[in-house]
C-alpha atoms as a PDB file:
ATOM      1  CA  MET A   1       0.000   0.000   0.000  1.00  0.00           C
ATOM      2  CA  SER A   2       1.440   3.284  -1.006  1.00  0.00           C
ATOM      3  CA  LYS A   3       0.868   6.626   0.598  1.00  0.00           C
ATOM      4  CA  GLU A   4       0.806   9.569  -1.686  1.00  0.00           C
ATOM      5  CA  ASN A   5       2.236  12.490   0.237  1.00  0.00           C
ATOM      6  CA  ASN A   6       2.861  15.495  -1.914  1.00  0.00           C
ATOM      7  CA  CYS A   7       4.892  18.192  -0.263  1.00  0.00           C
ATOM      8  CA  ASP A   8       4.902  21.756  -1.518  1.00  0.00           C
ATOM      9  CA  PHE A   9       8.539  22.211  -0.494  1.00  0.00           C
ATOM     10  CA  GLU A  10       9.820  19.289  -2.581  1.00  0.00           C
ATOM     11  CA  SER A  11      10.909  21.411  -5.547  1.00  0.00           C
ATOM     12  CA  VAL A  12      12.605  23.882  -3.195  1.00  0.00           C
ATOM     13  CA  VAL A  13      14.468  21.018  -1.493  1.00  0.00           C
ATOM     14  CA  VAL A  14      15.667  19.668  -4.854  1.00  0.00           C
ATOM     15  CA  LYS A  15      16.889  23.100  -5.996  1.00  0.00           C
ATOM     16  CA  SER A  16      18.721  23.760  -2.751  1.00  0.00           C
ATOM     17  CA  LEU A  17      20.344  20.304  -2.800  1.00  0.00           C
ATOM     18  CA  LYS A  18      21.509  20.858  -6.373  1.00  0.00           C
ATOM     19  CA  SER A  19      22.972  24.232  -5.474  1.00  0.00           C
ATOM     20  CA  GLY A  20      24.630  22.818  -2.358  1.00  0.00           C
ATOM     21  CA  PHE A  21      23.193  25.423  -0.014  1.00  0.00           C
ATOM     22  CA  LEU A  22      20.731  24.277   2.653  1.00  0.00           C
ATOM     23  CA  SER A  23      19.164  26.925   4.835  1.00  0.00           C
ATOM     24  CA  GLU A  24      18.082  26.177   8.415  1.00  0.00           C
ATOM     25  CA  GLU A  25      14.453  26.329   7.444  1.00  0.00           C
ATOM     26  CA  ILE A  26      14.884  23.721   4.678  1.00  0.00           C
ATOM     27  CA  SER A  27      17.035  21.505   6.951  1.00  0.00           C
ATOM     28  CA  GLU A  28      14.349  21.597   9.656  1.00  0.00           C
ATOM     29  CA  HIS A  29      11.662  20.801   7.072  1.00  0.00           C
ATOM     30  CA  ILE A  30      13.658  17.835   5.736  1.00  0.00           C
ATOM     31  CA  GLY A  31      13.977  16.550   9.312  1.00  0.00           C
ATOM     32  CA  ALA A  32      10.212  16.759   9.818  1.00  0.00           C
ATOM     33  CA  CYS A  33       8.910  15.661   6.367  1.00  0.00           C
ATOM     34  CA  ASP A  34       9.297  12.015   5.283  1.00  0.00           C
ATOM     35  CA  ASN A  35       8.630  12.812   1.645  1.00  0.00           C
ATOM     36  CA  CYS A  36      11.356  15.478   1.463  1.00  0.00           C
ATOM     37  CA  ARG A  37      13.777  13.171   3.317  1.00  0.00           C
ATOM     38  CA  GLU A  38      13.251  10.503   0.623  1.00  0.00           C
ATOM     39  CA  THR A  39      13.679  13.144  -2.074  1.00  0.00           C
ATOM     40  CA  MET A  40      16.956  14.234  -0.443  1.00  0.00           C
ATOM     41  CA  LYS A  41      18.238  10.618  -0.467  1.00  0.00           C
ATOM     42  CA  VAL A  42      17.364  10.216  -4.141  1.00  0.00           C
ATOM     43  CA  VAL A  43      18.988  13.518  -5.153  1.00  0.00           C
ATOM     44  CA  ARG A  44      22.180  12.735  -3.220  1.00  0.00           C
ATOM     45  CA  PHE A  45      22.310   9.231  -4.679  1.00  0.00           C
ATOM     46  CA  PHE A  46      22.134  10.605  -8.215  1.00  0.00           C
ATOM     47  CA  GLN A  47      24.643  13.368  -7.447  1.00  0.00           C
ATOM     48  CA  THR A  48      27.263  10.931  -6.135  1.00  0.00           C
ATOM     49  CA  ASN A  49      26.736   8.412  -8.942  1.00  0.00           C
ATOM     50  CA  LEU A  50      26.742  10.966 -11.724  1.00  0.00           C
ATOM     51  CA  GLN A  51      29.886  12.641 -10.386  1.00  0.00           C
ATOM     52  CA  SER A  52      31.765   9.359  -9.958  1.00  0.00           C
ATOM     53  CA  GLU A  53      31.035   8.148 -13.503  1.00  0.00           C
ATOM     54  CA  LEU A  54      33.532   9.325 -16.051  1.00  0.00           C
ATOM     55  CA  PRO A  55      32.283  10.170 -19.507  1.00  0.00           C
ATOM     56  CA  PRO A  56      33.206   7.532 -22.077  1.00  0.00           C
ATOM     57  CA  LYS A  57      36.308   8.238 -24.086  1.00  0.00           C
ATOM     58  CA  ASN A  58      37.014   7.619 -27.746  1.00  0.00           C
ATOM     59  CA  LEU A  59      33.430   7.134 -28.846  1.00  0.00           C
ATOM     60  CA  PRO A  60      33.195   6.439 -32.555  1.00  0.00           C
ATOM     61  CA  ALA A  61      31.443   8.983 -34.696  1.00  0.00           C
ATOM     62  CA  ALA A  62      27.742   8.471 -35.293  1.00  0.00           C
ATOM     63  CA  GLY A  63      28.341   8.384 -39.043  1.00  0.00           C
ATOM     64  CA  LEU A  64      30.797   5.514 -38.649  1.00  0.00           C
ATOM     65  CA  ILE A  65      28.316   3.495 -36.602  1.00  0.00           C
ATOM     66  CA  TRP A  66      25.606   4.161 -39.182  1.00  0.00           C
ATOM     67  CA  TRP A  67      27.949   3.192 -42.030  1.00  0.00           C
ATOM     68  CA  LYS A  68      28.899  -0.077 -40.317  1.00  0.00           C
ATOM     69  CA  SER A  69      25.270  -0.990 -39.716  1.00  0.00           C
ATOM     70  CA  ARG A  70      24.425  -0.324 -43.385  1.00  0.00           C
ATOM     71  CA  LEU A  71      27.419  -2.437 -44.442  1.00  0.00           C
ATOM     72  CA  ARG A  72      26.284  -5.282 -42.170  1.00  0.00           C
ATOM     73  CA  GLU A  73      22.778  -5.037 -43.644  1.00  0.00           C
ATOM     74  CA  LYS A  74      24.147  -5.222 -47.198  1.00  0.00           C
ATOM     75  CA  ARG A  75      26.253  -8.272 -46.330  1.00  0.00           C
ATOM     76  CA  ARG A  76      23.213 -10.060 -44.917  1.00  0.00           C
ATOM     77  CA  ALA A  77      21.242  -9.238 -48.057  1.00  0.00           C
ATOM     78  CA  ALA A  78      24.088 -10.554 -50.239  1.00  0.00           C
ATOM     79  CA  GLU A  79      24.167 -13.797 -48.256  1.00  0.00           C
ATOM     80  CA  GLN A  80      20.426 -14.236 -48.704  1.00  0.00           C
ATOM     81  CA  VAL A  81      20.668 -13.585 -52.431  1.00  0.00           C
ATOM     82  CA  ALA A  82      23.546 -16.062 -52.768  1.00  0.00           C
ATOM     83  CA  GLN A  83      21.624 -18.927 -51.128  1.00  0.00           C
ATOM     84  CA  PRO A  84      19.753 -20.041 -54.306  1.00  0.00           C
ATOM     85  CA  ILE A  85      23.021 -19.938 -56.228  1.00  0.00           C
ATOM     86  CA  LEU A  86      24.626 -22.164 -53.606  1.00  0.00           C
ATOM     87  CA  ILE A  87      21.694 -24.581 -53.831  1.00  0.00           C
ATOM     88  CA  ALA A  88      21.983 -24.709 -57.647  1.00  0.00           C
ATOM     89  CA  GLN A  89      25.731 -25.329 -57.414  1.00  0.00           C
ATOM     90  CA  THR A  90      25.196 -28.098 -54.879  1.00  0.00           C
ATOM     91  CA  ALA A  91      22.571 -29.705 -57.114  1.00  0.00           C
ATOM     92  CA  ALA A  92      24.976 -29.516 -60.089  1.00  0.00           C
ATOM     93  CA  VAL A  93      27.722 -31.236 -58.105  1.00  0.00           C
ATOM     94  CA  VAL A  94      25.328 -33.977 -56.949  1.00  0.00           C
ATOM     95  CA  ILE A  95      24.150 -34.547 -60.542  1.00  0.00           C
ATOM     96  CA  PHE A  96      27.751 -34.648 -61.765  1.00  0.00           C
ATOM     97  CA  VAL A  97      28.704 -37.220 -59.144  1.00  0.00           C
ATOM     98  CA  GLY A  98      25.619 -39.283 -60.000  1.00  0.00           C
ATOM     99  CA  VAL A  99      26.440 -39.258 -63.716  1.00  0.00           C
ATOM    100  CA  PHE A 100      30.060 -40.137 -62.942  1.00  0.00           C
ATOM    101  CA  VAL A 101      29.023 -43.126 -60.819  1.00  0.00           C
ATOM    102  CA  TRP A 102      26.534 -44.182 -63.494  1.00  0.00           C
ATOM    103  CA  LEU A 103      29.262 -44.044 -66.148  1.00  0.00           C
ATOM    104  CA  LEU A 104      31.539 -46.154 -63.962  1.00  0.00           C
ATOM    105  CA  ASN A 105      28.797 -48.753 -63.577  1.00  0.00           C
ATOM    106  CA  THR A 106      28.246 -48.970 -67.346  1.00  0.00           C
ATOM    107  CA  GLU A 107      31.975 -49.468 -67.833  1.00  0.00           C
ATOM    108  CA  ALA A 108      32.155 -46.594 -70.309  1.00  0.00           C
ATOM    109  CA  PHE A 109      35.440 -45.356 -68.918  1.00  0.00           C
ATOM    110  CA  GLN A 110      37.170 -48.596 -69.725  1.00  0.00           C
ATOM    111  CA  LEU A 111      37.006 -47.808 -73.449  1.00  0.00           C
ATOM    112  CA  LEU A 112      39.946 -45.984 -75.019  1.00  0.00           C
ATOM    113  CA  SER A 113      38.137 -43.112 -76.696  1.00  0.00           C
ATOM    114  CA  LEU A 114      35.343 -40.787 -75.633  1.00  0.00           C
ATOM    115  CA  ASP A 115      33.503 -41.371 -78.892  1.00  0.00           C
ATOM    116  CA  ALA A 116      33.323 -45.106 -78.288  1.00  0.00           C
ATOM    117  CA  ALA A 117      32.222 -44.513 -74.688  1.00  0.00           C
ATOM    118  CA  LEU A 118      29.387 -42.190 -75.770  1.00  0.00           C
ATOM    119  CA  ASN A 119      28.304 -44.614 -78.491  1.00  0.00           C
ATOM    120  CA  GLN A 120      28.098 -47.409 -75.949  1.00  0.00           C
ATOM    121  CA  ILE A 121      26.096 -45.242 -73.528  1.00  0.00           C
ATOM    122  CA  PHE A 122      23.651 -44.068 -76.200  1.00  0.00           C
ATOM    123  CA  ALA A 123      23.269 -47.601 -77.540  1.00  0.00           C
ATOM    124  CA  SER A 124      22.294 -48.833 -74.084  1.00  0.00           C
ATOM    125  CA  ILE A 125      19.549 -46.176 -73.705  1.00  0.00           C
ATOM    126  CA  GLU A 126      16.576 -45.782 -75.978  1.00  0.00           C
ATOM    127  CA  PRO A 127      16.867 -42.626 -78.126  1.00  0.00           C
ATOM    128  CA  ILE A 128      13.632 -41.113 -76.863  1.00  0.00           C
ATOM    129  CA  ILE A 129      14.840 -41.193 -73.256  1.00  0.00           C
ATOM    130  CA  VAL A 130      17.998 -39.278 -74.189  1.00  0.00           C
ATOM    131  CA  SER A 131      16.053 -36.535 -75.953  1.00  0.00           C
ATOM    132  CA  MET A 132      13.591 -36.314 -73.025  1.00  0.00           C
ATOM    133  CA  PHE A 133      16.457 -36.054 -70.557  1.00  0.00           C
ATOM    134  CA  ILE A 134      18.134 -33.314 -72.598  1.00  0.00           C
ATOM    135  CA  GLY A 135      14.819 -31.465 -72.884  1.00  0.00           C
ATOM    136  CA  ILE A 136      14.081 -31.697 -69.154  1.00  0.00           C
ATOM    137  CA  VAL A 137      17.567 -30.508 -68.183  1.00  0.00           C
ATOM    138  CA  SER A 138      17.351 -27.627 -70.682  1.00  0.00           C
ATOM    139  CA  PHE A 139      13.899 -26.656 -69.381  1.00  0.00           C
ATOM    140  CA  PHE A 140      15.211 -26.734 -65.796  1.00  0.00           C
ATOM    141  CA  PHE A 141      18.135 -24.461 -66.593  1.00  0.00           C
ATOM    142  CA  ILE A 142      15.964 -22.049 -68.601  1.00  0.00           C
ATOM    143  CA  CYS A 143      13.457 -21.808 -65.736  1.00  0.00           C
ATOM    144  CA  THR A 144      16.237 -21.306 -63.190  1.00  0.00           C
ATOM    145  CA  THR A 145      17.796 -18.561 -65.306  1.00  0.00           C
ATOM    146  CA  LEU A 146      14.428 -16.822 -65.698  1.00  0.00           C
ATOM    147  CA  ILE A 147      13.770 -16.990 -61.961  1.00  0.00           C
ATOM    148  CA  PHE A 148      17.146 -15.445 -61.139  1.00  0.00           C
ATOM    149  CA  ALA A 149      16.697 -12.752 -63.802  1.00  0.00           C
ATOM    150  CA  LEU A 150      13.203 -11.843 -62.569  1.00  0.00           C
ATOM    151  CA  ARG A 151      14.346 -11.814 -58.970  1.00  0.00           C
ATOM    152  CA  ARG A 152      17.206  -9.497 -59.774  1.00  0.00           C
ATOM    153  CA  PHE A 153      14.915  -7.228 -61.773  1.00  0.00           C
ATOM    154  CA  LEU A 154      12.330  -7.097 -58.970  1.00  0.00           C
ATOM    155  CA  LEU A 155      14.930  -6.495 -56.242  1.00  0.00           C
ATOM    156  CA  GLU A 156      16.419  -3.525 -58.128  1.00  0.00           C
ATOM    157  CA  LYS A 157      13.142  -1.604 -57.966  1.00  0.00           C
END
């Protein structure tokens, strides 16, 4: 439960404590008034703490802090933009490794020339599957290129 005691002399007590001059009348009032006594404790607490704290030295300029925050923001944006590229590169590496393992299993690398190896691979697969695979891969890369181009165009606005 809080008591709300408002004293009319409170502002006078604060001013006299800040100036450092306490008259007898104000000293007697502080001794008699609980509210002014609490005010005196608070003012003295802040005076001693504010005087003992040294101002910080070598603060960077506000412009430098702002510039660094903008630079950090741009780096984050660049990382977010680079994520789809990283995913596409990872997918390309996985596909390359898969094709390499597939070629090892079909023993195409044991032939002496690349032409003979490709002929053996294409002879083992029906021609329609090869054209479908080439079409699907081309469609995938065209769509990916369009997505990146549209994204870049939309982000520039």
